[in-house]
Amino acid sequence: MTIVQPQSVLPDPREHPLSPLGVLQEVGLGGRSTIYDLAKRDALPVKVVRCGHLYRVRTIDVYRLVGLPVPGEAGDDAA
């Protein structure tokens, strides 16, 4: 099993404020079916935005969920 560092799969929230649900799978929140089922029931621990038939999550919420500093926020030296 390969362990992926969350910061290597998460886009910069300043450039991509919304990300597809697949990023939750990439950071280890669960499998595709589970994540989509939770999104449909509005039971994910992040804000879900529905765009027609597409589901997106706020990238900044994913950073916070996995405990990473959010690029561009106060206290972030990478800004």
Protein backbone atom coordinates (compact mmCIF):
# COMPACT_ATOMS: atom_id res chain seq x y z
CA MET A 1 0.00 0.00 0.00
CA THR A 2 1.35 3.41 -0.99
CA ILE A 3 0.94 6.25 1.47
CA VAL A 4 0.31 9.60 -0.22
CA GLN A 5 1.13 12.86 1.51
CA PRO A 6 -2.04 15.01 1.43
CA GLN A 7 -0.20 18.17 0.38
CA SER A 8 0.99 16.39 -2.78
CA VAL A 9 -2.59 15.80 -4.01
CA LEU A 10 -4.33 18.95 -2.78
CA PRO A 11 -4.44 21.96 -5.09
CA ASP A 12 -3.78 25.47 -3.82
CA PRO A 13 -7.16 26.75 -2.56
CA ARG A 14 -6.37 30.23 -3.88
CA GLU A 15 -6.21 28.83 -7.42
CA HIS A 16 -8.80 26.05 -7.03
CA PRO A 17 -11.35 26.93 -4.33
CA LEU A 18 -13.41 23.85 -5.21
CA SER A 19 -12.09 20.33 -5.76
CA PRO A 20 -13.79 17.15 -6.99
CA LEU A 21 -14.84 14.58 -4.39
CA GLY A 22 -11.96 12.38 -5.53
CA VAL A 23 -9.54 14.40 -3.43
CA LEU A 24 -11.21 13.00 -0.31
CA GLN A 25 -10.37 9.53 -1.58
CA GLU A 26 -6.80 10.67 -2.27
CA VAL A 27 -6.33 11.85 1.32
CA GLY A 28 -7.71 8.59 2.69
CA LEU A 29 -11.23 9.49 3.77
CA GLY A 30 -12.72 6.42 2.12
CA GLY A 31 -13.53 4.76 -1.16
CA ARG A 32 -15.31 6.39 -4.07
CA SER A 33 -18.72 4.82 -3.40
CA THR A 34 -18.62 5.67 0.30
CA ILE A 35 -17.64 9.28 -0.35
CA TYR A 36 -20.39 9.78 -2.95
CA ASP A 37 -22.96 8.15 -0.67
CA LEU A 38 -21.97 10.45 2.19
CA ALA A 39 -22.09 13.47 -0.13
CA LYS A 40 -25.60 12.60 -1.28
CA ARG A 41 -26.71 12.36 2.37
CA ASP A 42 -24.87 15.58 3.25
CA ALA A 43 -22.87 13.62 5.83
CA LEU A 44 -19.29 14.50 4.87
CA PRO A 45 -17.16 16.44 7.38
CA VAL A 46 -16.56 19.15 4.73
CA LYS A 47 -18.87 21.52 2.86
CA VAL A 48 -20.21 19.92 -0.34
CA VAL A 49 -21.21 22.13 -3.25
CA ARG A 50 -23.50 20.60 -5.85
CA CYS A 51 -23.01 21.92 -9.38
CA GLY A 52 -25.73 20.23 -11.41
CA HIS A 53 -24.90 16.54 -11.22
CA LEU A 54 -21.33 17.22 -10.04
CA TYR A 55 -20.21 17.30 -6.43
CA ARG A 56 -17.36 19.51 -5.28
CA VAL A 57 -15.80 20.21 -1.90
CA ARG A 58 -14.20 23.38 -0.64
CA THR A 59 -10.44 22.84 -0.94
CA ILE A 60 -9.77 24.91 2.17
CA ASP A 61 -12.02 22.58 4.20
CA VAL A 62 -10.01 19.55 3.04
CA TYR A 63 -6.76 21.21 4.17
CA ARG A 64 -8.29 21.81 7.59
CA LEU A 65 -9.74 18.29 7.76
CA VAL A 66 -6.33 16.67 7.28
CA GLY A 67 -4.62 19.18 9.58
CA LEU A 68 -2.49 21.00 7.02
CA PRO A 69 -1.79 24.73 7.08
CA VAL A 70 -3.88 26.51 4.48
CA PRO A 71 -1.76 28.36 1.91
CA GLY A 72 -2.35 32.10 2.13
CA GLU A 73 -3.84 32.13 5.62
CA ALA A 74 -2.29 34.15 8.42
CA GLY A 75 0.76 32.41 9.83
CA ASP A 76 1.54 30.60 6.58
CA ASP A 77 5.09 31.38 5.46
CA ALA A 78 4.55 29.95 1.96
CA ALA A 79 2.19 32.79 0.92
